[in-house]
Amino acid sequence: KVLGSADVSRNRLTGALPPEWSAASSLKLLSAHSNGISGSLPSSWAQMRRLQTLDLHGCKLEGSLPRSWSGMAALVDVDLSNNALEGDLPPSWSQLALLVNFKLADNMLSGQIP
């Protein structure tokens, strides 16, 4: 069987987001919000081309938004709010044509909106 969704929200998970999760090529929903997950957003997750919903709000994520994620063309809902993300919003993310809900509140982002 193929994993279509994963929800591990509101637990006590810690550590970094595993780059190996990019192998879950059929994943459409990934929710891991409200955990102690830290570290950066893996660039390799750009391989999850079927991912539609990504909810990682309320974690301890830091670093920049991966430019490679602009290839995740199926994304509709993204919530990365309430983390410690910084840097600019990659201009290439404006290519995410299906994106409807995009939440980045309460981070440390800077620069211009593409």
N, C-alpha and C. Protein backbone atom coordinates (compact mmCIF):
# COMPACT_ATOMS: atom_id res chain seq x y z
N LYS A 1 0.84 -1.19 0.00
CA LYS A 1 0.00 0.00 0.00
C LYS A 1 0.88 1.25 0.00
N VAL A 2 0.31 2.33 -0.47
CA VAL A 2 1.04 3.59 -0.59
C VAL A 2 0.49 4.59 0.43
N LEU A 3 1.38 5.24 1.17
CA LEU A 3 0.97 6.22 2.17
C LEU A 3 0.47 7.49 1.49
N GLY A 4 -0.79 7.85 1.77
CA GLY A 4 -1.38 9.05 1.18
C GLY A 4 -1.42 10.23 2.12
N SER A 5 -1.47 9.96 3.44
CA SER A 5 -1.48 11.06 4.40
C SER A 5 -0.80 10.62 5.69
N ALA A 6 -0.25 11.61 6.39
CA ALA A 6 0.41 11.37 7.67
C ALA A 6 0.14 12.56 8.58
N ASP A 7 -0.41 12.29 9.76
CA ASP A 7 -0.71 13.33 10.73
C ASP A 7 -0.13 12.92 12.08
N VAL A 8 0.92 13.60 12.49
CA VAL A 8 1.55 13.34 13.78
C VAL A 8 1.52 14.60 14.65
N SER A 9 0.52 15.43 14.44
CA SER A 9 0.39 16.71 15.13
C SER A 9 0.12 16.54 16.61
N ARG A 10 0.47 17.60 17.35
CA ARG A 10 0.19 17.71 18.78
C ARG A 10 0.74 16.53 19.58
N ASN A 11 1.99 16.24 19.37
CA ASN A 11 2.68 15.23 20.14
C ASN A 11 3.89 15.87 20.81
N ARG A 12 4.84 15.09 21.18
CA ARG A 12 6.07 15.60 21.79
C ARG A 12 7.27 15.21 20.94
N LEU A 13 7.09 15.25 19.63
CA LEU A 13 8.16 14.88 18.72
C LEU A 13 9.24 15.95 18.71
N THR A 14 10.49 15.51 18.65
CA THR A 14 11.63 16.44 18.61
C THR A 14 12.59 16.00 17.50
N GLY A 15 13.60 16.81 17.29
CA GLY A 15 14.59 16.50 16.27
C GLY A 15 14.27 17.19 14.96
N ALA A 16 15.04 16.86 13.97
CA ALA A 16 14.91 17.49 12.65
C ALA A 16 13.93 16.73 11.77
N LEU A 17 13.42 17.44 10.75
CA LEU A 17 12.57 16.80 9.75
C LEU A 17 13.44 15.90 8.88
N PRO A 18 13.10 14.63 8.75
CA PRO A 18 13.95 13.70 8.00
C PRO A 18 13.94 13.96 6.48
N PRO A 19 15.08 14.20 5.87
CA PRO A 19 15.14 14.36 4.42
C PRO A 19 14.62 13.12 3.70
N GLU A 20 14.72 11.96 4.34
CA GLU A 20 14.30 10.71 3.73
C GLU A 20 12.80 10.65 3.46
N TRP A 21 12.02 11.50 4.13
CA TRP A 21 10.58 11.52 3.88
C TRP A 21 10.27 11.92 2.44
N SER A 22 11.24 12.48 1.75
CA SER A 22 11.02 12.86 0.35
C SER A 22 10.73 11.63 -0.51
N ALA A 23 11.07 10.44 -0.02
CA ALA A 23 10.78 9.20 -0.75
C ALA A 23 9.29 8.86 -0.74
N ALA A 24 8.51 9.52 0.11
CA ALA A 24 7.07 9.29 0.16
C ALA A 24 6.40 10.05 -0.99
N SER A 25 6.64 9.59 -2.18
CA SER A 25 6.23 10.32 -3.39
C SER A 25 4.72 10.38 -3.59
N SER A 26 3.94 9.53 -2.91
CA SER A 26 2.49 9.54 -3.05
C SER A 26 1.79 10.33 -1.95
N LEU A 27 2.57 10.88 -1.01
CA LEU A 27 2.00 11.61 0.12
C LEU A 27 1.29 12.87 -0.36
N LYS A 28 0.04 13.04 0.07
CA LYS A 28 -0.74 14.23 -0.30
C LYS A 28 -0.93 15.17 0.87
N LEU A 29 -0.91 14.64 2.10
CA LEU A 29 -1.09 15.45 3.30
C LEU A 29 -0.04 15.09 4.32
N LEU A 30 0.64 16.10 4.84
CA LEU A 30 1.61 15.90 5.91
C LEU A 30 1.37 16.98 6.96
N SER A 31 1.00 16.54 8.16
CA SER A 31 0.75 17.46 9.26
C SER A 31 1.56 17.02 10.47
N ALA A 32 2.43 17.89 10.93
CA ALA A 32 3.27 17.61 12.10
C ALA A 32 3.32 18.84 12.99
N HIS A 33 2.26 19.63 12.98
CA HIS A 33 2.26 20.88 13.74
C HIS A 33 2.21 20.64 15.24
N SER A 34 2.58 21.67 15.97
CA SER A 34 2.54 21.68 17.43
C SER A 34 3.40 20.57 18.05
N ASN A 35 4.62 20.50 17.60
CA ASN A 35 5.60 19.57 18.12
C ASN A 35 6.88 20.34 18.44
N GLY A 36 7.89 19.67 18.93
CA GLY A 36 9.18 20.29 19.22
C GLY A 36 10.16 20.09 18.08
N ILE A 37 9.66 19.87 16.88
CA ILE A 37 10.51 19.64 15.71
C ILE A 37 11.33 20.90 15.43
N SER A 38 12.63 20.71 15.19
CA SER A 38 13.52 21.84 14.98
C SER A 38 14.36 21.61 13.73
N GLY A 39 15.25 22.55 13.48
CA GLY A 39 16.11 22.44 12.30
C GLY A 39 15.50 23.14 11.11
N SER A 40 16.03 22.83 9.96
CA SER A 40 15.59 23.51 8.73
C SER A 40 14.62 22.67 7.92
N LEU A 41 14.02 23.31 6.93
CA LEU A 41 13.13 22.63 6.00
C LEU A 41 13.98 21.92 4.95
N PRO A 42 13.85 20.60 4.81
CA PRO A 42 14.71 19.86 3.87
C PRO A 42 14.44 20.22 2.41
N SER A 43 15.48 20.60 1.70
CA SER A 43 15.35 20.89 0.26
C SER A 43 14.88 19.67 -0.51
N SER A 44 15.27 18.49 -0.04
CA SER A 44 14.92 17.25 -0.74
C SER A 44 13.41 16.98 -0.77
N TRP A 45 12.67 17.64 0.10
CA TRP A 45 11.21 17.44 0.09
C TRP A 45 10.58 17.94 -1.20
N ALA A 46 11.31 18.66 -2.00
CA ALA A 46 10.79 19.10 -3.30
C ALA A 46 10.41 17.91 -4.17
N GLN A 47 10.91 16.72 -3.83
CA GLN A 47 10.58 15.51 -4.58
C GLN A 47 9.17 15.01 -4.26
N MET A 48 8.54 15.55 -3.23
CA MET A 48 7.17 15.16 -2.88
C MET A 48 6.20 15.96 -3.76
N ARG A 49 6.17 15.62 -5.01
CA ARG A 49 5.44 16.41 -6.02
C ARG A 49 3.93 16.27 -5.95
N ARG A 50 3.42 15.31 -5.18
CA ARG A 50 1.97 15.15 -5.03
C ARG A 50 1.43 15.79 -3.76
N LEU A 51 2.34 16.31 -2.94
CA LEU A 51 1.93 16.89 -1.67
C LEU A 51 1.03 18.10 -1.91
N GLN A 52 -0.15 18.07 -1.29
CA GLN A 52 -1.13 19.15 -1.43
C GLN A 52 -1.23 20.00 -0.17
N THR A 53 -1.12 19.35 0.99
CA THR A 53 -1.26 20.04 2.27
C THR A 53 -0.04 19.78 3.14
N LEU A 54 0.58 20.86 3.61
CA LEU A 54 1.74 20.78 4.49
C LEU A 54 1.49 21.70 5.67
N ASP A 55 1.39 21.13 6.87
CA ASP A 55 1.13 21.92 8.07
C ASP A 55 2.23 21.65 9.10
N LEU A 56 3.10 22.62 9.27
CA LEU A 56 4.21 22.52 10.22
C LEU A 56 4.21 23.72 11.17
N HIS A 57 3.04 24.30 11.41
CA HIS A 57 3.00 25.49 12.26
C HIS A 57 3.25 25.11 13.73
N GLY A 58 3.76 26.07 14.47
CA GLY A 58 3.96 25.88 15.90
C GLY A 58 5.06 24.90 16.26
N CYS A 59 6.07 24.81 15.44
CA CYS A 59 7.24 23.98 15.76
C CYS A 59 8.40 24.90 16.10
N LYS A 60 9.60 24.45 15.94
CA LYS A 60 10.78 25.26 16.22
C LYS A 60 11.69 25.30 14.99
N LEU A 61 11.08 25.36 13.83
CA LEU A 61 11.83 25.34 12.59
C LEU A 61 12.55 26.65 12.37
N GLU A 62 13.73 26.58 11.78
CA GLU A 62 14.54 27.76 11.52
C GLU A 62 15.20 27.65 10.16
N GLY A 63 15.88 28.69 9.78
CA GLY A 63 16.52 28.68 8.48
C GLY A 63 15.64 29.32 7.43
N SER A 64 16.01 29.11 6.19
CA SER A 64 15.30 29.78 5.09
C SER A 64 14.30 28.84 4.42
N LEU A 65 13.47 29.44 3.58
CA LEU A 65 12.50 28.68 2.79
C LEU A 65 13.23 28.12 1.57
N PRO A 66 13.20 26.81 1.37
CA PRO A 66 13.95 26.21 0.26
C PRO A 66 13.43 26.65 -1.11
N ARG A 67 14.33 27.16 -1.92
CA ARG A 67 13.95 27.57 -3.28
C ARG A 67 13.45 26.40 -4.10
N SER A 68 13.97 25.21 -3.82
CA SER A 68 13.59 24.01 -4.58
C SER A 68 12.12 23.64 -4.41
N TRP A 69 11.50 24.12 -3.35
CA TRP A 69 10.10 23.78 -3.11
C TRP A 69 9.16 24.40 -4.15
N SER A 70 9.66 25.28 -4.97
CA SER A 70 8.82 25.86 -6.03
C SER A 70 8.39 24.79 -7.02
N GLY A 71 9.05 23.63 -7.02
CA GLY A 71 8.67 22.52 -7.89
C GLY A 71 7.55 21.66 -7.34
N MET A 72 7.08 21.97 -6.13
CA MET A 72 6.00 21.20 -5.52
C MET A 72 4.67 21.75 -6.02
N ALA A 73 4.40 21.52 -7.29
CA ALA A 73 3.30 22.17 -8.00
C ALA A 73 1.91 21.81 -7.49
N ALA A 74 1.76 20.73 -6.73
CA ALA A 74 0.43 20.32 -6.25
C ALA A 74 0.03 21.00 -4.94
N LEU A 75 0.95 21.77 -4.33
CA LEU A 75 0.64 22.40 -3.04
C LEU A 75 -0.56 23.33 -3.14
N VAL A 76 -1.50 23.13 -2.20
CA VAL A 76 -2.70 23.96 -2.11
C VAL A 76 -2.72 24.71 -0.78
N ASP A 77 -2.38 24.01 0.30
CA ASP A 77 -2.38 24.58 1.65
C ASP A 77 -1.01 24.41 2.30
N VAL A 78 -0.41 25.52 2.73
CA VAL A 78 0.88 25.49 3.42
C VAL A 78 0.78 26.37 4.66
N ASP A 79 1.07 25.78 5.81
CA ASP A 79 1.09 26.56 7.06
C ASP A 79 2.42 26.34 7.75
N LEU A 80 3.26 27.36 7.69
CA LEU A 80 4.58 27.35 8.34
C LEU A 80 4.65 28.43 9.40
N SER A 81 3.49 28.90 9.86
CA SER A 81 3.45 29.99 10.84
C SER A 81 3.98 29.55 12.20
N ASN A 82 4.31 30.53 13.01
CA ASN A 82 4.79 30.32 14.37
C ASN A 82 6.02 29.42 14.45
N ASN A 83 7.02 29.77 13.68
CA ASN A 83 8.32 29.11 13.71
C ASN A 83 9.38 30.20 13.82
N ALA A 84 10.60 29.91 13.46
CA ALA A 84 11.68 30.90 13.49
C ALA A 84 12.34 30.97 12.11
N LEU A 85 11.54 30.86 11.07
CA LEU A 85 12.06 30.92 9.70
C LEU A 85 12.51 32.33 9.39
N GLU A 86 13.57 32.45 8.59
CA GLU A 86 14.12 33.77 8.28
C GLU A 86 14.55 33.83 6.82
N GLY A 87 14.92 35.02 6.41
CA GLY A 87 15.34 35.21 5.03
C GLY A 87 14.19 35.71 4.19
N ASP A 88 14.36 35.60 2.89
CA ASP A 88 13.35 36.12 1.97
C ASP A 88 12.38 35.04 1.52
N LEU A 89 11.30 35.49 0.93
CA LEU A 89 10.34 34.59 0.31
C LEU A 89 10.85 34.37 -1.12
N PRO A 90 11.26 33.14 -1.45
CA PRO A 90 11.85 32.90 -2.77
C PRO A 90 10.92 33.31 -3.91
N PRO A 91 11.40 34.13 -4.84
CA PRO A 91 10.57 34.54 -5.98
C PRO A 91 10.01 33.34 -6.75
N SER A 92 10.74 32.24 -6.77
CA SER A 92 10.29 31.06 -7.51
C SER A 92 9.01 30.45 -6.93
N TRP A 93 8.71 30.76 -5.66
CA TRP A 93 7.49 30.22 -5.05
C TRP A 93 6.24 30.82 -5.68
N SER A 94 6.38 31.92 -6.41
CA SER A 94 5.22 32.50 -7.09
C SER A 94 4.74 31.59 -8.22
N GLN A 95 5.50 30.56 -8.54
CA GLN A 95 5.11 29.58 -9.56
C GLN A 95 4.14 28.53 -9.02
N LEU A 96 3.88 28.55 -7.73
CA LEU A 96 2.96 27.57 -7.13
C LEU A 96 1.52 28.01 -7.43
N ALA A 97 1.07 27.69 -8.62
CA ALA A 97 -0.20 28.19 -9.15
C ALA A 97 -1.44 27.68 -8.42
N LEU A 98 -1.37 26.52 -7.78
CA LEU A 98 -2.53 25.95 -7.09
C LEU A 98 -2.63 26.39 -5.63
N LEU A 99 -1.63 27.10 -5.14
CA LEU A 99 -1.59 27.50 -3.74
C LEU A 99 -2.74 28.44 -3.41
N VAL A 100 -3.57 28.03 -2.44
CA VAL A 100 -4.73 28.81 -2.03
C VAL A 100 -4.53 29.41 -0.64
N ASN A 101 -4.05 28.61 0.29
CA ASN A 101 -3.81 29.05 1.67
C ASN A 101 -2.32 28.98 1.97
N PHE A 102 -1.75 30.12 2.32
CA PHE A 102 -0.31 30.23 2.53
C PHE A 102 -0.07 31.04 3.80
N LYS A 103 0.31 30.36 4.88
CA LYS A 103 0.45 31.02 6.18
C LYS A 103 1.91 31.00 6.63
N LEU A 104 2.45 32.20 6.81
CA LEU A 104 3.83 32.37 7.26
C LEU A 104 3.93 33.32 8.45
N ALA A 105 2.82 33.62 9.10
CA ALA A 105 2.79 34.58 10.20
C ALA A 105 3.72 34.14 11.33
N ASP A 106 4.19 35.12 12.07
CA ASP A 106 5.01 34.90 13.26
C ASP A 106 6.29 34.12 13.00
N ASN A 107 7.02 34.56 11.99
CA ASN A 107 8.37 34.09 11.69
C ASN A 107 9.27 35.31 11.68
N MET A 108 10.43 35.23 11.10
CA MET A 108 11.36 36.36 11.02
C MET A 108 11.75 36.60 9.56
N LEU A 109 10.78 36.51 8.66
CA LEU A 109 11.05 36.68 7.24
C LEU A 109 11.27 38.15 6.93
N SER A 110 12.01 38.42 5.86
CA SER A 110 12.31 39.79 5.46
C SER A 110 12.36 39.86 3.94
N GLY A 111 12.54 41.07 3.43
CA GLY A 111 12.65 41.24 1.99
C GLY A 111 11.31 41.56 1.35
N GLN A 112 11.31 41.52 0.04
CA GLN A 112 10.12 41.88 -0.72
C GLN A 112 9.23 40.66 -0.99
N ILE A 113 7.96 40.94 -1.18
CA ILE A 113 7.02 39.90 -1.55
C ILE A 113 7.07 39.77 -3.08
N PRO A 114 7.36 38.56 -3.57
CA PRO A 114 7.46 38.40 -5.03
C PRO A 114 6.12 38.55 -5.73
